[in-house]
């Protein structure tokens, strides 16, 4: 289990970690027959992908700021 899932406050997830977890949630969503659970898992996957994109954008802005 990745350290960021264990609640370690000193560890942050990388965008790759978040995307991998989003894939897992999408695959896990397909296993349920309950539409409410399916929707919640898909929503979680979308939130993880959004967070991954935000981390990448922030890293890009930091890198551009360092060059300026």
PDB file of N, CA and C in Angstrom:
ATOM      1  N   UNK A   1       0.847  -1.176   0.000  1.00  0.00           N
ATOM      2  CA  UNK A   1       0.000   0.000   0.000  1.00  0.00           C
ATOM      3  C   UNK A   1       0.891   1.238   0.000  1.00  0.00           C
ATOM      4  N   UNK A   2       0.632   2.182  -0.890  1.00  0.00           N
ATOM      5  CA  UNK A   2       1.437   3.403  -0.928  1.00  0.00           C
ATOM      6  C   UNK A   2       1.362   4.159   0.406  1.00  0.00           C
ATOM      7  N   UNK A   3       2.450   4.793   0.778  1.00  0.00           N
ATOM      8  CA  UNK A   3       2.522   5.498   2.063  1.00  0.00           C
ATOM      9  C   UNK A   3       1.478   6.606   2.172  1.00  0.00           C
ATOM     10  N   UNK A   4       1.148   7.261   1.056  1.00  0.00           N
ATOM     11  CA  UNK A   4       0.181   8.353   1.147  1.00  0.00           C
ATOM     12  C   UNK A   4      -1.213   7.835   1.503  1.00  0.00           C
ATOM     13  N   UNK A   5      -1.486   6.565   1.236  1.00  0.00           N
ATOM     14  CA  UNK A   5      -2.774   5.983   1.617  1.00  0.00           C
ATOM     15  C   UNK A   5      -2.809   5.570   3.079  1.00  0.00           C
ATOM     16  N   UNK A   6      -1.643   5.430   3.678  1.00  0.00           N
ATOM     17  CA  UNK A   6      -1.561   5.035   5.083  1.00  0.00           C
ATOM     18  C   UNK A   6      -1.722   6.231   6.014  1.00  0.00           C
ATOM     19  N   UNK A   7      -1.850   7.416   5.463  1.00  0.00           N
ATOM     20  CA  UNK A   7      -2.058   8.598   6.282  1.00  0.00           C
ATOM     21  C   UNK A   7      -0.794   9.255   6.766  1.00  0.00           C
ATOM     22  N   UNK A   8       0.336   8.924   6.182  1.00  0.00           N
ATOM     23  CA  UNK A   8       1.600   9.545   6.570  1.00  0.00           C
ATOM     24  C   UNK A   8       1.563  11.011   6.143  1.00  0.00           C
ATOM     25  N   UNK A   9       1.581  11.945   7.096  1.00  0.00           N
ATOM     26  CA  UNK A   9       1.459  13.370   6.744  1.00  0.00           C
ATOM     27  C   UNK A   9       2.668  13.925   5.994  1.00  0.00           C
ATOM     28  N   UNK A  10       3.794  13.216   6.038  1.00  0.00           N
ATOM     29  CA  UNK A  10       4.998  13.690   5.368  1.00  0.00           C
ATOM     30  C   UNK A  10       5.114  13.182   3.934  1.00  0.00           C
ATOM     31  N   UNK A  11       4.163  12.385   3.493  1.00  0.00           N
ATOM     32  CA  UNK A  11       4.225  11.797   2.159  1.00  0.00           C
ATOM     33  C   UNK A  11       3.070  12.338   1.323  1.00  0.00           C
ATOM     34  N   UNK A  12       3.401  12.806   0.144  1.00  0.00           N
ATOM     35  CA  UNK A  12       2.359  13.258  -0.771  1.00  0.00           C
ATOM     36  C   UNK A  12       2.333  12.321  -1.973  1.00  0.00           C
ATOM     37  N   UNK A  13       1.177  12.224  -2.550  1.00  0.00           N
ATOM     38  CA  UNK A  13       1.008  11.352  -3.712  1.00  0.00           C
ATOM     39  C   UNK A  13       1.506  12.070  -4.961  1.00  0.00           C
ATOM     40  N   UNK A  14       2.096  11.315  -5.834  1.00  0.00           N
ATOM     41  CA  UNK A  14       2.504  11.874  -7.119  1.00  0.00           C
ATOM     42  C   UNK A  14       1.306  11.804  -8.054  1.00  0.00           C
ATOM     43  N   UNK A  15       1.327  12.587  -9.130  1.00  0.00           N
ATOM     44  CA  UNK A  15       0.244  12.483 -10.110  1.00  0.00           C
ATOM     45  C   UNK A  15       0.094  11.061 -10.649  1.00  0.00           C
ATOM     46  N   UNK A  16       1.200  10.365 -10.806  1.00  0.00           N
ATOM     47  CA  UNK A  16       1.143   8.985 -11.294  1.00  0.00           C
ATOM     48  C   UNK A  16       0.428   8.081 -10.287  1.00  0.00           C
ATOM     49  N   UNK A  17       0.710   8.287  -8.996  1.00  0.00           N
ATOM     50  CA  UNK A  17       0.032   7.508  -7.953  1.00  0.00           C
ATOM     51  C   UNK A  17      -1.469   7.748  -7.993  1.00  0.00           C
ATOM     52  N   UNK A  18      -1.848   9.019  -8.120  1.00  0.00           N
ATOM     53  CA  UNK A  18      -3.266   9.358  -8.140  1.00  0.00           C
ATOM     54  C   UNK A  18      -3.959   8.778  -9.368  1.00  0.00           C
ATOM     55  N   UNK A  19      -3.286   8.831 -10.490  1.00  0.00           N
ATOM     56  CA  UNK A  19      -3.884   8.258 -11.708  1.00  0.00           C
ATOM     57  C   UNK A  19      -4.014   6.737 -11.608  1.00  0.00           C
ATOM     58  N   UNK A  20      -3.036   6.092 -11.023  1.00  0.00           N
ATOM     59  CA  UNK A  20      -3.120   4.638 -10.834  1.00  0.00           C
ATOM     60  C   UNK A  20      -4.284   4.278  -9.911  1.00  0.00           C
ATOM     61  N   UNK A  21      -4.466   5.068  -8.881  1.00  0.00           N
ATOM     62  CA  UNK A  21      -5.578   4.833  -7.973  1.00  0.00           C
ATOM     63  C   UNK A  21      -6.913   5.095  -8.671  1.00  0.00           C
ATOM     64  N   UNK A  22      -6.958   6.090  -9.533  1.00  0.00           N
ATOM     65  CA  UNK A  22      -8.177   6.377 -10.296  1.00  0.00           C
ATOM     66  C   UNK A  22      -8.531   5.209 -11.207  1.00  0.00           C
ATOM     67  N   UNK A  23      -7.528   4.616 -11.832  1.00  0.00           N
ATOM     68  CA  UNK A  23      -7.768   3.431 -12.678  1.00  0.00           C
ATOM     69  C   UNK A  23      -8.344   2.306 -11.826  1.00  0.00           C
ATOM     70  N   UNK A  24      -7.781   2.111 -10.654  1.00  0.00           N
ATOM     71  CA  UNK A  24      -8.279   1.062  -9.765  1.00  0.00           C
ATOM     72  C   UNK A  24      -9.742   1.316  -9.404  1.00  0.00           C
ATOM     73  N   UNK A  25     -10.086   2.565  -9.074  1.00  0.00           N
ATOM     74  CA  UNK A  25     -11.473   2.885  -8.732  1.00  0.00           C
ATOM     75  C   UNK A  25     -12.404   2.633  -9.909  1.00  0.00           C
ATOM     76  N   UNK A  26     -11.970   2.958 -11.116  1.00  0.00           N
ATOM     77  CA  UNK A  26     -12.812   2.696 -12.288  1.00  0.00           C
ATOM     78  C   UNK A  26     -13.022   1.192 -12.494  1.00  0.00           C
ATOM     79  N   UNK A  27     -11.965   0.429 -12.330  1.00  0.00           N
ATOM     80  CA  UNK A  27     -12.090  -1.028 -12.462  1.00  0.00           C
ATOM     81  C   UNK A  27     -12.977  -1.596 -11.351  1.00  0.00           C
ATOM     82  N   UNK A  28     -12.807  -1.077 -10.153  1.00  0.00           N
ATOM     83  CA  UNK A  28     -13.592  -1.529  -9.010  1.00  0.00           C
ATOM     84  C   UNK A  28     -15.061  -1.153  -9.186  1.00  0.00           C
ATOM     85  N   UNK A  29     -15.339  -0.025  -9.810  1.00  0.00           N
ATOM     86  CA  UNK A  29     -16.716   0.413 -10.056  1.00  0.00           C
ATOM     87  C   UNK A  29     -17.452  -0.578 -10.942  1.00  0.00           C
ATOM     88  N   UNK A  30     -16.746  -1.149 -11.890  1.00  0.00           N
ATOM     89  CA  UNK A  30     -17.379  -2.079 -12.827  1.00  0.00           C
ATOM     90  C   UNK A  30     -17.822  -3.375 -12.150  1.00  0.00           C
ATOM     91  N   UNK A  31     -17.335  -3.639 -10.950  1.00  0.00           N
ATOM     92  CA  UNK A  31     -17.669  -4.886 -10.254  1.00  0.00           C
ATOM     93  C   UNK A  31     -18.985  -4.810  -9.498  1.00  0.00           C
ATOM     94  N   UNK A  32     -19.501  -3.621  -9.298  1.00  0.00           N
ATOM     95  CA  UNK A  32     -20.710  -3.492  -8.498  1.00  0.00           C
ATOM     96  C   UNK A  32     -21.952  -3.521  -9.380  1.00  0.00           C
ATOM     97  N   UNK A  33     -23.027  -3.969  -8.789  1.00  0.00           N
ATOM     98  CA  UNK A  33     -24.310  -3.967  -9.482  1.00  0.00           C
ATOM     99  C   UNK A  33     -25.170  -2.807  -8.993  1.00  0.00           C
ATOM    100  N   UNK A  34     -24.682  -2.101  -7.988  1.00  0.00           N
ATOM    101  CA  UNK A  34     -25.437  -1.010  -7.397  1.00  0.00           C
ATOM    102  C   UNK A  34     -25.056   0.303  -8.085  1.00  0.00           C
ATOM    103  N   UNK A  35     -26.011   0.964  -8.741  1.00  0.00           N
ATOM    104  CA  UNK A  35     -25.682   2.193  -9.471  1.00  0.00           C
ATOM    105  C   UNK A  35     -25.185   3.330  -8.571  1.00  0.00           C
ATOM    106  N   UNK A  36     -25.627   3.363  -7.344  1.00  0.00           N
ATOM    107  CA  UNK A  36     -25.177   4.414  -6.422  1.00  0.00           C
ATOM    108  C   UNK A  36     -23.711   4.231  -6.075  1.00  0.00           C
ATOM    109  N   UNK A  37     -23.320   2.990  -5.811  1.00  0.00           N
ATOM    110  CA  UNK A  37     -21.914   2.698  -5.516  1.00  0.00           C
ATOM    111  C   UNK A  37     -21.064   2.922  -6.756  1.00  0.00           C
ATOM    112  N   UNK A  38     -21.550   2.504  -7.917  1.00  0.00           N
ATOM    113  CA  UNK A  38     -20.831   2.717  -9.175  1.00  0.00           C
ATOM    114  C   UNK A  38     -20.549   4.205  -9.365  1.00  0.00           C
ATOM    115  N   UNK A  39     -21.589   5.014  -9.171  1.00  0.00           N
ATOM    116  CA  UNK A  39     -21.429   6.457  -9.362  1.00  0.00           C
ATOM    117  C   UNK A  39     -20.421   7.052  -8.378  1.00  0.00           C
ATOM    118  N   UNK A  40     -20.468   6.613  -7.143  1.00  0.00           N
ATOM    119  CA  UNK A  40     -19.536   7.135  -6.131  1.00  0.00           C
ATOM    120  C   UNK A  40     -18.096   6.781  -6.493  1.00  0.00           C
ATOM    121  N   UNK A  41     -17.872   5.571  -6.966  1.00  0.00           N
ATOM    122  CA  UNK A  41     -16.517   5.160  -7.339  1.00  0.00           C
ATOM    123  C   UNK A  41     -16.020   5.911  -8.569  1.00  0.00           C
ATOM    124  N   UNK A  42     -16.891   6.118  -9.526  1.00  0.00           N
ATOM    125  CA  UNK A  42     -16.517   6.893 -10.714  1.00  0.00           C
ATOM    126  C   UNK A  42     -16.205   8.332 -10.318  1.00  0.00           C
ATOM    127  N   UNK A  43     -17.021   8.900  -9.440  1.00  0.00           N
ATOM    128  CA  UNK A  43     -16.787  10.274  -8.971  1.00  0.00           C
ATOM    129  C   UNK A  43     -15.438  10.366  -8.248  1.00  0.00           C
ATOM    130  N   UNK A  44     -15.118   9.368  -7.440  1.00  0.00           N
ATOM    131  CA  UNK A  44     -13.828   9.346  -6.753  1.00  0.00           C
ATOM    132  C   UNK A  44     -12.682   9.299  -7.765  1.00  0.00           C
ATOM    133  N   UNK A  45     -12.828   8.464  -8.791  1.00  0.00           N
ATOM    134  CA  UNK A  45     -11.800   8.382  -9.843  1.00  0.00           C
ATOM    135  C   UNK A  45     -11.626   9.729 -10.531  1.00  0.00           C
ATOM    136  N   UNK A  46     -12.714  10.403 -10.824  1.00  0.00           N
ATOM    137  CA  UNK A  46     -12.634  11.712 -11.472  1.00  0.00           C
ATOM    138  C   UNK A  46     -11.946  12.736 -10.573  1.00  0.00           C
ATOM    139  N   UNK A  47     -12.247  12.693  -9.278  1.00  0.00           N
ATOM    140  CA  UNK A  47     -11.599  13.612  -8.335  1.00  0.00           C
ATOM    141  C   UNK A  47     -10.093  13.340  -8.254  1.00  0.00           C
ATOM    142  N   UNK A  48      -9.716  12.081  -8.251  1.00  0.00           N
ATOM    143  CA  UNK A  48      -8.292  11.734  -8.221  1.00  0.00           C
ATOM    144  C   UNK A  48      -7.586  12.236  -9.476  1.00  0.00           C
ATOM    145  N   UNK A  49      -8.219  12.095 -10.631  1.00  0.00           N
ATOM    146  CA  UNK A  49      -7.630  12.582 -11.880  1.00  0.00           C
ATOM    147  C   UNK A  49      -7.518  14.106 -11.876  1.00  0.00           C
ATOM    148  N   UNK A  50      -8.519  14.778 -11.322  1.00  0.00           N
ATOM    149  CA  UNK A  50      -8.478  16.237 -11.205  1.00  0.00           C
ATOM    150  C   UNK A  50      -7.329  16.668 -10.292  1.00  0.00           C
ATOM    151  N   UNK A  51      -7.166  15.951  -9.181  1.00  0.00           N
ATOM    152  CA  UNK A  51      -6.067  16.262  -8.259  1.00  0.00           C
ATOM    153  C   UNK A  51      -4.714  16.022  -8.910  1.00  0.00           C
ATOM    154  N   UNK A  52      -4.599  14.962  -9.699  1.00  0.00           N
ATOM    155  CA  UNK A  52      -3.346  14.685 -10.406  1.00  0.00           C
ATOM    156  C   UNK A  52      -3.019  15.815 -11.371  1.00  0.00           C
ATOM    157  N   UNK A  53      -4.030  16.281 -12.093  1.00  0.00           N
ATOM    158  CA  UNK A  53      -3.826  17.385 -13.038  1.00  0.00           C
ATOM    159  C   UNK A  53      -3.409  18.656 -12.300  1.00  0.00           C
ATOM    160  N   UNK A  54      -4.026  18.913 -11.154  1.00  0.00           N
ATOM    161  CA  UNK A  54      -3.676  20.096 -10.369  1.00  0.00           C
ATOM    162  C   UNK A  54      -2.226  20.024  -9.881  1.00  0.00           C
ATOM    163  N   UNK A  55      -1.792  18.852  -9.439  1.00  0.00           N
ATOM    164  CA  UNK A  55      -0.401  18.690  -9.002  1.00  0.00           C
ATOM    165  C   UNK A  55       0.562  18.943 -10.160  1.00  0.00           C
ATOM    166  N   UNK A  56       0.233  18.413 -11.332  1.00  0.00           N
ATOM    167  CA  UNK A  56       1.096  18.621 -12.502  1.00  0.00           C
ATOM    168  C   UNK A  56       1.126  20.095 -12.903  1.00  0.00           C
ATOM    169  N   UNK A  57      -0.009  20.757 -12.853  1.00  0.00           N
ATOM    170  CA  UNK A  57      -0.051  22.181 -13.203  1.00  0.00           C
ATOM    171  C   UNK A  57       0.769  23.004 -12.220  1.00  0.00           C
ATOM    172  N   UNK A  58       0.639  22.672 -10.940  1.00  0.00           N
ATOM    173  CA  UNK A  58       1.392  23.392  -9.912  1.00  0.00           C
ATOM    174  C   UNK A  58       2.892  23.180 -10.100  1.00  0.00           C
ATOM    175  N   UNK A  59       3.283  21.961 -10.412  1.00  0.00           N
ATOM    176  CA  UNK A  59       4.701  21.661 -10.628  1.00  0.00           C
ATOM    177  C   UNK A  59       5.228  22.416 -11.842  1.00  0.00           C
ATOM    178  N   UNK A  60       4.430  22.501 -12.881  1.00  0.00           N
ATOM    179  CA  UNK A  60       4.831  23.235 -14.080  1.00  0.00           C
ATOM    180  C   UNK A  60       4.987  24.721 -13.779  1.00  0.00           C
ATOM    181  N   UNK A  61       4.049  25.288 -13.026  1.00  0.00           N
ATOM    182  CA  UNK A  61       4.137  26.701 -12.666  1.00  0.00           C
ATOM    183  C   UNK A  61       5.367  26.958 -11.795  1.00  0.00           C
ATOM    184  N   UNK A  62       5.643  26.051 -10.861  1.00  0.00           N
ATOM    185  CA  UNK A  62       6.831  26.197 -10.020  1.00  0.00           C
ATOM    186  C   UNK A  62       8.104  26.153 -10.866  1.00  0.00           C
ATOM    187  N   UNK A  63       8.131  25.252 -11.828  1.00  0.00           N
ATOM    188  CA  UNK A  63       9.305  25.129 -12.693  1.00  0.00           C
ATOM    189  C   UNK A  63       9.473  26.381 -13.553  1.00  0.00           C
ATOM    190  N   UNK A  64       8.383  26.898 -14.059  1.00  0.00           N
ATOM    191  CA  UNK A  64       8.459  28.122 -14.876  1.00  0.00           C
ATOM    192  C   UNK A  64       8.880  29.307 -14.028  1.00  0.00           C
ATOM    193  N   UNK A  65       8.409  29.350 -12.782  1.00  0.00           N
ATOM    194  CA  UNK A  65       8.789  30.432 -11.865  1.00  0.00           C
ATOM    195  C   UNK A  65      10.268  30.363 -11.519  1.00  0.00           C
ATOM    196  N   UNK A  66      10.790  29.177 -11.428  1.00  0.00           N
ATOM    197  CA  UNK A  66      12.210  29.010 -11.091  1.00  0.00           C
ATOM    198  C   UNK A  66      13.100  29.476 -12.247  1.00  0.00           C
ATOM    199  N   UNK A  67      12.582  29.373 -13.455  1.00  0.00           N
ATOM    200  CA  UNK A  67      13.365  29.794 -14.630  1.00  0.00           C
ATOM    201  C   UNK A  67      13.319  31.294 -14.852  1.00  0.00           C
ATOM    202  N   UNK A  68      12.312  31.947 -14.293  1.00  0.00           N
ATOM    203  CA  UNK A  68      12.146  33.382 -14.524  1.00  0.00           C
ATOM    204  C   UNK A  68      13.082  34.224 -13.704  1.00  0.00           C
TER     205      UNK A  68
END
